[in-house]
PDB file of N, CA and C in Angstrom:
ATOM      1  N   UNK A   1     -39.297 -16.170 -16.562  1.00  0.00           N
ATOM      2  CA  UNK A   1     -40.158 -16.721 -17.584  1.00  0.00           C
ATOM      3  C   UNK A   1     -41.057 -17.783 -16.957  1.00  0.00           C
ATOM      4  N   UNK A   2     -42.299 -17.765 -17.266  1.00  0.00           N
ATOM      5  CA  UNK A   2     -43.250 -18.710 -16.695  1.00  0.00           C
ATOM      6  C   UNK A   2     -43.375 -19.963 -17.545  1.00  0.00           C
ATOM      7  N   UNK A   3     -43.755 -21.039 -16.889  1.00  0.00           N
ATOM      8  CA  UNK A   3     -43.993 -22.294 -17.598  1.00  0.00           C
ATOM      9  C   UNK A   3     -45.360 -22.249 -18.270  1.00  0.00           C
ATOM     10  N   UNK A   4     -45.453 -22.909 -19.402  1.00  0.00           N
ATOM     11  CA  UNK A   4     -46.706 -23.022 -20.136  1.00  0.00           C
ATOM     12  C   UNK A   4     -47.597 -24.040 -19.424  1.00  0.00           C
ATOM     13  N   UNK A   5     -48.838 -23.690 -19.110  1.00  0.00           N
ATOM     14  CA  UNK A   5     -49.733 -24.658 -18.449  1.00  0.00           C
ATOM     15  C   UNK A   5     -49.899 -25.950 -19.249  1.00  0.00           C
ATOM     16  N   UNK A   6     -49.742 -25.889 -20.567  1.00  0.00           N
ATOM     17  CA  UNK A   6     -49.846 -27.097 -21.398  1.00  0.00           C
ATOM     18  C   UNK A   6     -48.723 -28.080 -21.078  1.00  0.00           C
ATOM     19  N   UNK A   7     -47.555 -27.563 -20.738  1.00  0.00           N
ATOM     20  CA  UNK A   7     -46.439 -28.433 -20.350  1.00  0.00           C
ATOM     21  C   UNK A   7     -46.786 -29.178 -19.073  1.00  0.00           C
ATOM     22  N   UNK A   8     -47.312 -28.454 -18.109  1.00  0.00           N
ATOM     23  CA  UNK A   8     -47.685 -29.066 -16.824  1.00  0.00           C
ATOM     24  C   UNK A   8     -48.798 -30.091 -17.034  1.00  0.00           C
ATOM     25  N   UNK A   9     -49.784 -29.734 -17.836  1.00  0.00           N
ATOM     26  CA  UNK A   9     -50.881 -30.669 -18.125  1.00  0.00           C
ATOM     27  C   UNK A   9     -50.362 -31.945 -18.765  1.00  0.00           C
ATOM     28  N   UNK A  10     -49.412 -31.827 -19.674  1.00  0.00           N
ATOM     29  CA  UNK A  10     -48.859 -33.008 -20.340  1.00  0.00           C
ATOM     30  C   UNK A  10     -48.155 -33.921 -19.327  1.00  0.00           C
ATOM     31  N   UNK A  11     -47.337 -33.320 -18.465  1.00  0.00           N
ATOM     32  CA  UNK A  11     -46.620 -34.111 -17.458  1.00  0.00           C
ATOM     33  C   UNK A  11     -47.619 -34.785 -16.516  1.00  0.00           C
ATOM     34  N   UNK A  12     -48.635 -34.049 -16.066  1.00  0.00           N
ATOM     35  CA  UNK A  12     -49.652 -34.629 -15.186  1.00  0.00           C
ATOM     36  C   UNK A  12     -50.392 -35.769 -15.885  1.00  0.00           C
ATOM     37  N   UNK A  13     -50.750 -35.573 -17.155  1.00  0.00           N
ATOM     38  CA  UNK A  13     -51.434 -36.627 -17.914  1.00  0.00           C
ATOM     39  C   UNK A  13     -50.581 -37.882 -17.998  1.00  0.00           C
ATOM     40  N   UNK A  14     -49.297 -37.708 -18.246  1.00  0.00           N
ATOM     41  CA  UNK A  14     -48.393 -38.861 -18.336  1.00  0.00           C
ATOM     42  C   UNK A  14     -48.349 -39.611 -17.002  1.00  0.00           C
ATOM     43  N   UNK A  15     -48.191 -38.874 -15.921  1.00  0.00           N
ATOM     44  CA  UNK A  15     -48.111 -39.495 -14.600  1.00  0.00           C
ATOM     45  C   UNK A  15     -49.429 -40.173 -14.226  1.00  0.00           C
ATOM     46  N   UNK A  16     -50.533 -39.519 -14.532  1.00  0.00           N
ATOM     47  CA  UNK A  16     -51.838 -40.102 -14.202  1.00  0.00           C
ATOM     48  C   UNK A  16     -52.126 -41.333 -15.053  1.00  0.00           C
ATOM     49  N   UNK A  17     -51.653 -41.352 -16.292  1.00  0.00           N
ATOM     50  CA  UNK A  17     -51.846 -42.537 -17.139  1.00  0.00           C
ATOM     51  C   UNK A  17     -51.051 -43.719 -16.596  1.00  0.00           C
ATOM     52  N   UNK A  18     -50.006 -43.429 -15.828  1.00  0.00           N
ATOM     53  CA  UNK A  18     -49.212 -44.476 -15.190  1.00  0.00           C
ATOM     54  C   UNK A  18     -49.738 -44.862 -13.822  1.00  0.00           C
ATOM     55  N   UNK A  19     -50.859 -44.279 -13.411  1.00  0.00           N
ATOM     56  CA  UNK A  19     -51.500 -44.664 -12.154  1.00  0.00           C
ATOM     57  C   UNK A  19     -51.171 -43.794 -10.960  1.00  0.00           C
ATOM     58  N   UNK A  20     -50.461 -42.698 -11.152  1.00  0.00           N
ATOM     59  CA  UNK A  20     -50.104 -41.835 -10.024  1.00  0.00           C
ATOM     60  C   UNK A  20     -51.199 -40.795  -9.787  1.00  0.00           C
ATOM     61  N   UNK A  21     -51.486 -40.536  -8.521  1.00  0.00           N
ATOM     62  CA  UNK A  21     -52.445 -39.506  -8.137  1.00  0.00           C
ATOM     63  C   UNK A  21     -51.652 -38.236  -7.836  1.00  0.00           C
ATOM     64  N   UNK A  22     -51.365 -37.472  -8.877  1.00  0.00           N
ATOM     65  CA  UNK A  22     -50.537 -36.273  -8.741  1.00  0.00           C
ATOM     66  C   UNK A  22     -51.375 -35.031  -8.951  1.00  0.00           C
ATOM     67  N   UNK A  23     -50.875 -33.923  -8.430  1.00  0.00           N
ATOM     68  CA  UNK A  23     -51.534 -32.637  -8.626  1.00  0.00           C
ATOM     69  C   UNK A  23     -50.458 -31.574  -8.788  1.00  0.00           C
ATOM     70  N   UNK A  24     -50.877 -30.421  -9.279  1.00  0.00           N
ATOM     71  CA  UNK A  24     -49.961 -29.297  -9.464  1.00  0.00           C
ATOM     72  C   UNK A  24     -50.530 -28.069  -8.789  1.00  0.00           C
ATOM     73  N   UNK A  25     -49.637 -27.273  -8.240  1.00  0.00           N
ATOM     74  CA  UNK A  25     -50.033 -25.986  -7.649  1.00  0.00           C
ATOM     75  C   UNK A  25     -49.150 -24.912  -8.270  1.00  0.00           C
ATOM     76  N   UNK A  26     -49.803 -23.839  -8.704  1.00  0.00           N
ATOM     77  CA  UNK A  26     -49.064 -22.734  -9.299  1.00  0.00           C
ATOM     78  C   UNK A  26     -48.327 -21.976  -8.209  1.00  0.00           C
ATOM     79  N   UNK A  27     -47.072 -21.672  -8.486  1.00  0.00           N
ATOM     80  CA  UNK A  27     -46.229 -20.987  -7.517  1.00  0.00           C
ATOM     81  C   UNK A  27     -45.361 -19.966  -8.250  1.00  0.00           C
ATOM     82  N   UNK A  28     -45.687 -18.698  -8.152  1.00  0.00           N
ATOM     83  CA  UNK A  28     -44.876 -17.633  -8.743  1.00  0.00           C
ATOM     84  C   UNK A  28     -44.671 -17.827 -10.249  1.00  0.00           C
ATOM     85  N   UNK A  29     -45.695 -18.245 -10.950  1.00  0.00           N
ATOM     86  CA  UNK A  29     -45.608 -18.451 -12.390  1.00  0.00           C
ATOM     87  C   UNK A  29     -45.064 -19.804 -12.786  1.00  0.00           C
ATOM     88  N   UNK A  30     -44.594 -20.558 -11.820  1.00  0.00           N
ATOM     89  CA  UNK A  30     -44.091 -21.909 -12.058  1.00  0.00           C
ATOM     90  C   UNK A  30     -45.008 -22.873 -11.312  1.00  0.00           C
ATOM     91  N   UNK A  31     -44.648 -24.155 -11.254  1.00  0.00           N
ATOM     92  CA  UNK A  31     -45.547 -25.148 -10.669  1.00  0.00           C
ATOM     93  C   UNK A  31     -44.798 -26.113  -9.763  1.00  0.00           C
ATOM     94  N   UNK A  32     -45.445 -26.474  -8.658  1.00  0.00           N
ATOM     95  CA  UNK A  32     -44.986 -27.569  -7.815  1.00  0.00           C
ATOM     96  C   UNK A  32     -45.855 -28.779  -8.117  1.00  0.00           C
ATOM     97  N   UNK A  33     -45.237 -29.958  -8.226  1.00  0.00           N
ATOM     98  CA  UNK A  33     -45.969 -31.195  -8.477  1.00  0.00           C
ATOM     99  C   UNK A  33     -45.968 -32.025  -7.197  1.00  0.00           C
ATOM    100  N   UNK A  34     -47.147 -32.509  -6.818  1.00  0.00           N
ATOM    101  CA  UNK A  34     -47.337 -33.183  -5.539  1.00  0.00           C
ATOM    102  C   UNK A  34     -47.803 -34.620  -5.730  1.00  0.00           C
ATOM    103  N   UNK A  35     -47.239 -35.499  -4.914  1.00  0.00           N
ATOM    104  CA  UNK A  35     -47.656 -36.896  -4.834  1.00  0.00           C
ATOM    105  C   UNK A  35     -47.730 -37.244  -3.358  1.00  0.00           C
ATOM    106  N   UNK A  36     -48.833 -37.831  -2.933  1.00  0.00           N
ATOM    107  CA  UNK A  36     -49.027 -38.197  -1.519  1.00  0.00           C
ATOM    108  C   UNK A  36     -48.842 -37.002  -0.587  1.00  0.00           C
ATOM    109  N   UNK A  37     -49.269 -35.822  -1.031  1.00  0.00           N
ATOM    110  CA  UNK A  37     -49.177 -34.626  -0.200  1.00  0.00           C
ATOM    111  C   UNK A  37     -47.785 -34.041  -0.092  1.00  0.00           C
ATOM    112  N   UNK A  38     -46.835 -34.598  -0.830  1.00  0.00           N
ATOM    113  CA  UNK A  38     -45.452 -34.121  -0.786  1.00  0.00           C
ATOM    114  C   UNK A  38     -45.081 -33.505  -2.127  1.00  0.00           C
ATOM    115  N   UNK A  39     -44.425 -32.339  -2.068  1.00  0.00           N
ATOM    116  CA  UNK A  39     -43.940 -31.741  -3.305  1.00  0.00           C
ATOM    117  C   UNK A  39     -42.694 -32.518  -3.733  1.00  0.00           C
ATOM    118  N   UNK A  40     -42.798 -33.195  -4.862  1.00  0.00           N
ATOM    119  CA  UNK A  40     -41.700 -34.046  -5.323  1.00  0.00           C
ATOM    120  C   UNK A  40     -40.984 -33.480  -6.537  1.00  0.00           C
ATOM    121  N   UNK A  41     -41.584 -32.492  -7.199  1.00  0.00           N
ATOM    122  CA  UNK A  41     -40.967 -31.947  -8.403  1.00  0.00           C
ATOM    123  C   UNK A  41     -41.468 -30.535  -8.655  1.00  0.00           C
ATOM    124  N   UNK A  42     -40.761 -29.848  -9.548  1.00  0.00           N
ATOM    125  CA  UNK A  42     -41.147 -28.507  -9.969  1.00  0.00           C
ATOM    126  C   UNK A  42     -41.030 -28.424 -11.482  1.00  0.00           C
ATOM    127  N   UNK A  43     -41.924 -27.658 -12.067  1.00  0.00           N
ATOM    128  CA  UNK A  43     -41.809 -27.332 -13.483  1.00  0.00           C
ATOM    129  C   UNK A  43     -41.468 -25.847 -13.525  1.00  0.00           C
ATOM    130  N   UNK A  44     -40.258 -25.553 -13.986  1.00  0.00           N
ATOM    131  CA  UNK A  44     -39.774 -24.180 -14.072  1.00  0.00           C
ATOM    132  C   UNK A  44     -39.226 -23.957 -15.483  1.00  0.00           C
ATOM    133  N   UNK A  45     -39.673 -22.889 -16.123  1.00  0.00           N
ATOM    134  CA  UNK A  45     -39.266 -22.604 -17.503  1.00  0.00           C
ATOM    135  C   UNK A  45     -39.477 -23.809 -18.406  1.00  0.00           C
ATOM    136  N   UNK A  46     -40.602 -24.493 -18.228  1.00  0.00           N
ATOM    137  CA  UNK A  46     -40.971 -25.667 -19.036  1.00  0.00           C
ATOM    138  C   UNK A  46     -39.962 -26.802 -18.928  1.00  0.00           C
ATOM    139  N   UNK A  47     -39.269 -26.881 -17.808  1.00  0.00           N
ATOM    140  CA  UNK A  47     -38.353 -27.984 -17.534  1.00  0.00           C
ATOM    141  C   UNK A  47     -38.808 -28.667 -16.254  1.00  0.00           C
ATOM    142  N   UNK A  48     -38.586 -29.985 -16.181  1.00  0.00           N
ATOM    143  CA  UNK A  48     -39.008 -30.773 -15.024  1.00  0.00           C
ATOM    144  C   UNK A  48     -37.818 -31.058 -14.119  1.00  0.00           C
ATOM    145  N   UNK A  49     -37.907 -30.573 -12.891  1.00  0.00           N
ATOM    146  CA  UNK A  49     -36.879 -30.787 -11.873  1.00  0.00           C
ATOM    147  C   UNK A  49     -37.486 -31.629 -10.759  1.00  0.00           C
ATOM    148  N   UNK A  50     -36.851 -32.746 -10.424  1.00  0.00           N
ATOM    149  CA  UNK A  50     -37.320 -33.603  -9.341  1.00  0.00           C
ATOM    150  C   UNK A  50     -36.450 -33.333  -8.128  1.00  0.00           C
ATOM    151  N   UNK A  51     -37.067 -33.345  -6.948  1.00  0.00           N
ATOM    152  CA  UNK A  51     -36.279 -33.148  -5.730  1.00  0.00           C
ATOM    153  C   UNK A  51     -35.199 -34.229  -5.657  1.00  0.00           C
ATOM    154  N   UNK A  52     -34.013 -33.805  -5.298  1.00  0.00           N
ATOM    155  CA  UNK A  52     -32.890 -34.732  -5.242  1.00  0.00           C
ATOM    156  C   UNK A  52     -32.887 -35.546  -3.959  1.00  0.00           C
ATOM    157  N   UNK A  53     -32.987 -36.843  -4.102  1.00  0.00           N
ATOM    158  CA  UNK A  53     -32.850 -37.768  -2.974  1.00  0.00           C
ATOM    159  C   UNK A  53     -31.845 -38.838  -3.387  1.00  0.00           C
ATOM    160  N   UNK A  54     -31.141 -39.426  -2.430  1.00  0.00           N
ATOM    161  CA  UNK A  54     -30.208 -40.510  -2.791  1.00  0.00           C
ATOM    162  C   UNK A  54     -30.924 -41.657  -3.518  1.00  0.00           C
ATOM    163  N   UNK A  55     -32.141 -41.966  -3.076  1.00  0.00           N
ATOM    164  CA  UNK A  55     -32.900 -43.057  -3.688  1.00  0.00           C
ATOM    165  C   UNK A  55     -33.280 -42.725  -5.135  1.00  0.00           C
ATOM    166  N   UNK A  56     -33.701 -41.490  -5.358  1.00  0.00           N
ATOM    167  CA  UNK A  56     -34.055 -41.055  -6.710  1.00  0.00           C
ATOM    168  C   UNK A  56     -32.849 -41.037  -7.632  1.00  0.00           C
ATOM    169  N   UNK A  57     -31.717 -40.568  -7.104  1.00  0.00           N
ATOM    170  CA  UNK A  57     -30.494 -40.545  -7.917  1.00  0.00           C
ATOM    171  C   UNK A  57     -30.019 -41.961  -8.246  1.00  0.00           C
ATOM    172  N   UNK A  58     -30.197 -42.892  -7.321  1.00  0.00           N
ATOM    173  CA  UNK A  58     -29.829 -44.287  -7.597  1.00  0.00           C
ATOM    174  C   UNK A  58     -30.718 -44.847  -8.709  1.00  0.00           C
ATOM    175  N   UNK A  59     -31.982 -44.471  -8.717  1.00  0.00           N
ATOM    176  CA  UNK A  59     -32.916 -44.949  -9.738  1.00  0.00           C
ATOM    177  C   UNK A  59     -32.584 -44.365 -11.114  1.00  0.00           C
ATOM    178  N   UNK A  60     -32.305 -43.062 -11.171  1.00  0.00           N
ATOM    179  CA  UNK A  60     -32.065 -42.418 -12.464  1.00  0.00           C
ATOM    180  C   UNK A  60     -30.685 -42.707 -13.026  1.00  0.00           C
ATOM    181  N   UNK A  61     -29.731 -43.011 -12.142  1.00  0.00           N
ATOM    182  CA  UNK A  61     -28.354 -43.112 -12.607  1.00  0.00           C
ATOM    183  C   UNK A  61     -27.820 -41.711 -12.873  1.00  0.00           C
ATOM    184  N   UNK A  62     -26.668 -41.632 -13.547  1.00  0.00           N
ATOM    185  CA  UNK A  62     -26.110 -40.298 -13.825  1.00  0.00           C
ATOM    186  C   UNK A  62     -27.094 -39.458 -14.648  1.00  0.00           C
ATOM    187  N   UNK A  63     -27.351 -38.262 -14.162  1.00  0.00           N
ATOM    188  CA  UNK A  63     -28.325 -37.388 -14.816  1.00  0.00           C
ATOM    189  C   UNK A  63     -27.893 -35.944 -14.593  1.00  0.00           C
ATOM    190  N   UNK A  64     -28.202 -35.094 -15.550  1.00  0.00           N
ATOM    191  CA  UNK A  64     -27.867 -33.678 -15.426  1.00  0.00           C
ATOM    192  C   UNK A  64     -28.618 -33.075 -14.248  1.00  0.00           C
ATOM    193  N   UNK A  65     -27.942 -32.199 -13.524  1.00  0.00           N
ATOM    194  CA  UNK A  65     -28.584 -31.466 -12.437  1.00  0.00           C
ATOM    195  C   UNK A  65     -28.405 -29.978 -12.696  1.00  0.00           C
ATOM    196  N   UNK A  66     -29.415 -29.205 -12.320  1.00  0.00           N
ATOM    197  CA  UNK A  66     -29.391 -27.755 -12.499  1.00  0.00           C
ATOM    198  C   UNK A  66     -30.330 -27.128 -11.482  1.00  0.00           C
ATOM    199  N   UNK A  67     -30.090 -25.876 -11.130  1.00  0.00           N
ATOM    200  CA  UNK A  67     -31.018 -25.203 -10.218  1.00  0.00           C
ATOM    201  C   UNK A  67     -32.300 -24.817 -10.958  1.00  0.00           C
ATOM    202  N   UNK A  68     -33.462 -25.078 -10.373  1.00  0.00           N
ATOM    203  CA  UNK A  68     -34.715 -24.725 -11.032  1.00  0.00           C
ATOM    204  C   UNK A  68     -34.971 -23.213 -11.078  1.00  0.00           C
ATOM    205  N   UNK A  69     -34.333 -22.473 -10.188  1.00  0.00           N
ATOM    206  CA  UNK A  69     -34.474 -21.017 -10.146  1.00  0.00           C
ATOM    207  C   UNK A  69     -33.206 -20.463  -9.498  1.00  0.00           C
ATOM    208  N   UNK A  70     -32.909 -19.172  -9.676  1.00  0.00           N
ATOM    209  CA  UNK A  70     -31.671 -18.609  -9.121  1.00  0.00           C
ATOM    210  C   UNK A  70     -31.539 -18.855  -7.613  1.00  0.00           C
ATOM    211  N   UNK A  71     -30.342 -19.136  -7.181  1.00  0.00           N
ATOM    212  CA  UNK A  71     -29.964 -19.412  -5.795  1.00  0.00           C
ATOM    213  C   UNK A  71     -30.504 -20.733  -5.248  1.00  0.00           C
ATOM    214  N   UNK A  72     -31.117 -21.559  -6.071  1.00  0.00           N
ATOM    215  CA  UNK A  72     -31.601 -22.874  -5.619  1.00  0.00           C
ATOM    216  C   UNK A  72     -30.473 -23.893  -5.753  1.00  0.00           C
ATOM    217  N   UNK A  73     -30.565 -24.929  -4.932  1.00  0.00           N
ATOM    218  CA  UNK A  73     -29.630 -26.040  -5.063  1.00  0.00           C
ATOM    219  C   UNK A  73     -29.942 -26.785  -6.362  1.00  0.00           C
ATOM    220  N   UNK A  74     -28.934 -27.403  -6.963  1.00  0.00           N
ATOM    221  CA  UNK A  74     -29.200 -28.192  -8.172  1.00  0.00           C
ATOM    222  C   UNK A  74     -30.133 -29.373  -7.876  1.00  0.00           C
ATOM    223  N   UNK A  75     -31.054 -29.618  -8.787  1.00  0.00           N
ATOM    224  CA  UNK A  75     -31.998 -30.736  -8.723  1.00  0.00           C
ATOM    225  C   UNK A  75     -31.832 -31.577  -9.985  1.00  0.00           C
ATOM    226  N   UNK A  76     -32.121 -32.859  -9.910  1.00  0.00           N
ATOM    227  CA  UNK A  76     -32.102 -33.668 -11.132  1.00  0.00           C
ATOM    228  C   UNK A  76     -33.067 -33.091 -12.167  1.00  0.00           C
ATOM    229  N   UNK A  77     -32.558 -32.894 -13.372  1.00  0.00           N
ATOM    230  CA  UNK A  77     -33.329 -32.335 -14.479  1.00  0.00           C
ATOM    231  C   UNK A  77     -33.745 -33.485 -15.389  1.00  0.00           C
ATOM    232  N   UNK A  78     -35.052 -33.700 -15.501  1.00  0.00           N
ATOM    233  CA  UNK A  78     -35.573 -34.821 -16.282  1.00  0.00           C
ATOM    234  C   UNK A  78     -35.770 -34.361 -17.723  1.00  0.00           C
ATOM    235  N   UNK A  79     -35.029 -34.976 -18.611  1.00  0.00           N
ATOM    236  CA  UNK A  79     -35.073 -34.640 -20.030  1.00  0.00           C
ATOM    237  C   UNK A  79     -36.476 -34.877 -20.595  1.00  0.00           C
ATOM    238  N   UNK A  80     -36.914 -34.015 -21.488  1.00  0.00           N
ATOM    239  CA  UNK A  80     -38.240 -34.116 -22.086  1.00  0.00           C
ATOM    240  C   UNK A  80     -38.499 -35.449 -22.773  1.00  0.00           C
ATOM    241  N   UNK A  81     -37.454 -36.111 -23.242  1.00  0.00           N
ATOM    242  CA  UNK A  81     -37.627 -37.426 -23.878  1.00  0.00           C
ATOM    243  C   UNK A  81     -38.128 -38.469 -22.882  1.00  0.00           C
ATOM    244  N   UNK A  82     -37.823 -38.285 -21.601  1.00  0.00           N
ATOM    245  CA  UNK A  82     -38.248 -39.239 -20.571  1.00  0.00           C
ATOM    246  C   UNK A  82     -39.707 -39.048 -20.177  1.00  0.00           C
ATOM    247  N   UNK A  83     -40.284 -37.901 -20.486  1.00  0.00           N
ATOM    248  CA  UNK A  83     -41.657 -37.608 -20.081  1.00  0.00           C
ATOM    249  C   UNK A  83     -42.639 -38.577 -20.714  1.00  0.00           C
ATOM    250  N   UNK A  84     -42.286 -39.146 -21.853  1.00  0.00           N
ATOM    251  CA  UNK A  84     -43.190 -40.074 -22.547  1.00  0.00           C
ATOM    252  C   UNK A  84     -43.239 -41.454 -21.902  1.00  0.00           C
ATOM    253  N   UNK A  85     -42.274 -41.749 -21.034  1.00  0.00           N
ATOM    254  CA  UNK A  85     -42.214 -43.053 -20.359  1.00  0.00           C
ATOM    255  C   UNK A  85     -42.949 -42.945 -19.016  1.00  0.00           C
ATOM    256  N   UNK A  86     -44.265 -43.109 -19.067  1.00  0.00           N
ATOM    257  CA  UNK A  86     -45.103 -42.911 -17.879  1.00  0.00           C
ATOM    258  C   UNK A  86     -44.690 -43.819 -16.730  1.00  0.00           C
ATOM    259  N   UNK A  87     -44.385 -45.084 -17.015  1.00  0.00           N
ATOM    260  CA  UNK A  87     -44.016 -46.014 -15.942  1.00  0.00           C
ATOM    261  C   UNK A  87     -42.739 -45.565 -15.238  1.00  0.00           C
ATOM    262  N   UNK A  88     -41.743 -45.131 -16.007  1.00  0.00           N
ATOM    263  CA  UNK A  88     -40.479 -44.675 -15.434  1.00  0.00           C
ATOM    264  C   UNK A  88     -40.709 -43.428 -14.582  1.00  0.00           C
ATOM    265  N   UNK A  89     -41.511 -42.501 -15.109  1.00  0.00           N
ATOM    266  CA  UNK A  89     -41.783 -41.261 -14.383  1.00  0.00           C
ATOM    267  C   UNK A  89     -42.516 -41.535 -13.071  1.00  0.00           C
ATOM    268  N   UNK A  90     -43.528 -42.393 -13.123  1.00  0.00           N
ATOM    269  CA  UNK A  90     -44.289 -42.718 -11.910  1.00  0.00           C
ATOM    270  C   UNK A  90     -43.373 -43.367 -10.883  1.00  0.00           C
ATOM    271  N   UNK A  91     -42.531 -44.269 -11.313  1.00  0.00           N
ATOM    272  CA  UNK A  91     -41.613 -44.930 -10.380  1.00  0.00           C
ATOM    273  C   UNK A  91     -40.673 -43.912  -9.741  1.00  0.00           C
ATOM    274  N   UNK A  92     -40.130 -42.993 -10.528  1.00  0.00           N
ATOM    275  CA  UNK A  92     -39.260 -41.950  -9.981  1.00  0.00           C
ATOM    276  C   UNK A  92     -40.009 -41.088  -8.977  1.00  0.00           C
ATOM    277  N   UNK A  93     -41.232 -40.693  -9.296  1.00  0.00           N
ATOM    278  CA  UNK A  93     -42.016 -39.867  -8.371  1.00  0.00           C
ATOM    279  C   UNK A  93     -42.313 -40.637  -7.083  1.00  0.00           C
ATOM    280  N   UNK A  94     -42.649 -41.900  -7.188  1.00  0.00           N
ATOM    281  CA  UNK A  94     -42.950 -42.696  -5.977  1.00  0.00           C
ATOM    282  C   UNK A  94     -41.708 -42.884  -5.119  1.00  0.00           C
ATOM    283  N   UNK A  95     -40.580 -43.195  -5.748  1.00  0.00           N
ATOM    284  CA  UNK A  95     -39.322 -43.354  -5.001  1.00  0.00           C
ATOM    285  C   UNK A  95     -38.977 -42.052  -4.286  1.00  0.00           C
ATOM    286  N   UNK A  96     -39.119 -40.944  -4.980  1.00  0.00           N
ATOM    287  CA  UNK A  96     -38.806 -39.641  -4.393  1.00  0.00           C
ATOM    288  C   UNK A  96     -39.754 -39.315  -3.249  1.00  0.00           C
ATOM    289  N   UNK A  97     -41.046 -39.518  -3.448  1.00  0.00           N
ATOM    290  CA  UNK A  97     -42.026 -39.232  -2.384  1.00  0.00           C
ATOM    291  C   UNK A  97     -41.765 -40.080  -1.150  1.00  0.00           C
ATOM    292  N   UNK A  98     -41.442 -41.353  -1.358  1.00  0.00           N
ATOM    293  CA  UNK A  98     -41.168 -42.243  -0.221  1.00  0.00           C
ATOM    294  C   UNK A  98     -39.936 -41.803   0.562  1.00  0.00           C
ATOM    295  N   UNK A  99     -38.981 -41.176  -0.115  1.00  0.00           N
ATOM    296  CA  UNK A  99     -37.737 -40.760   0.538  1.00  0.00           C
ATOM    297  C   UNK A  99     -37.867 -39.424   1.262  1.00  0.00           C
ATOM    298  N   UNK A 100     -38.891 -38.659   0.924  1.00  0.00           N
ATOM    299  CA  UNK A 100     -39.069 -37.339   1.540  1.00  0.00           C
ATOM    300  C   UNK A 100     -39.843 -37.449   2.859  1.00  0.00           C
ATOM    301  N   UNK A 101     -39.538 -36.548   3.806  1.00  0.00           N
ATOM    302  CA  UNK A 101     -40.295 -36.569   5.059  1.00  0.00           C
ATOM    303  C   UNK A 101     -41.735 -36.131   4.843  1.00  0.00           C
ATOM    304  N   UNK A 102     -42.591 -36.524   5.757  1.00  0.00           N
ATOM    305  CA  UNK A 102     -43.999 -36.114   5.694  1.00  0.00           C
ATOM    306  C   UNK A 102     -44.069 -34.598   5.864  1.00  0.00           C
ATOM    307  N   UNK A 103     -45.023 -33.945   5.183  1.00  0.00           N
ATOM    308  CA  UNK A 103     -45.152 -32.498   5.348  1.00  0.00           C
ATOM    309  C   UNK A 103     -45.523 -32.143   6.795  1.00  0.00           C
ATOM    310  N   UNK A 104     -45.006 -31.016   7.246  1.00  0.00           N
ATOM    311  CA  UNK A 104     -45.334 -30.566   8.597  1.00  0.00           C
ATOM    312  C   UNK A 104     -46.775 -30.117   8.635  1.00  0.00           C
ATOM    313  N   UNK A 105     -47.488 -30.430   9.724  1.00  0.00           N
ATOM    314  CA  UNK A 105     -48.881 -29.966   9.822  1.00  0.00           C
ATOM    315  C   UNK A 105     -48.944 -28.451   9.857  1.00  0.00           C
ATOM    316  N   UNK A 106     -49.941 -27.900   9.191  1.00  0.00           N
ATOM    317  CA  UNK A 106     -50.105 -26.454   9.191  1.00  0.00           C
ATOM    318  C   UNK A 106     -50.691 -26.003  10.514  1.00  0.00           C
ATOM    319  N   UNK A 107     -50.242 -24.837  10.967  1.00  0.00           N
ATOM    320  CA  UNK A 107     -50.756 -24.271  12.204  1.00  0.00           C
ATOM    321  C   UNK A 107     -52.158 -23.730  11.973  1.00  0.00           C
ATOM    322  N   UNK A 108     -53.015 -23.921  12.961  1.00  0.00           N
ATOM    323  CA  UNK A 108     -54.386 -23.403  12.880  1.00  0.00           C
ATOM    324  C   UNK A 108     -54.360 -21.892  12.979  1.00  0.00           C
ATOM    325  N   UNK A 109     -55.194 -21.246  12.181  1.00  0.00           N
ATOM    326  CA  UNK A 109     -55.275 -19.781  12.249  1.00  0.00           C
ATOM    327  C   UNK A 109     -56.130 -19.384  13.433  1.00  0.00           C
ATOM    328  N   UNK A 110     -55.703 -18.325  14.083  1.00  0.00           N
ATOM    329  CA  UNK A 110     -56.425 -17.857  15.272  1.00  0.00           C
ATOM    330  C   UNK A 110     -57.671 -17.122  14.920  1.00  0.00           C
TER     331      UNK A 110
END
C-alpha cells in the first residue's frame, strides 16, 4: 500500500514550519525524508518511521518500534499525534541526522 502524498506534505510542512530544511524523495510508492543530505525517516503506509539511533531513542523515551516494510529492522514509529508538535519533530530529526554518518559520495558515471 502506498502512502498518500498529502500525508508527506503535511509532515514536511510541519517540519519546515519549525525551521528544518527537509525534503522527500519517492521510493517504491513510499517516501524517504532527508535532512542535511541524510535520510532520517521514512513514510510508509502513511506512518512515520525515524531511523533508530541511541541519541534519538534517548530523546523520545520509550516509544513503539515497528518495521517500516517487510524484513526491515524495527524503527521508532512516531505517533500521528506528535506530528503537530513541529518543535519536537524538528529536534528529533536534527538529533537523528547528527547521529547518522555522512552519506557516501556517489561514484562518477563513466
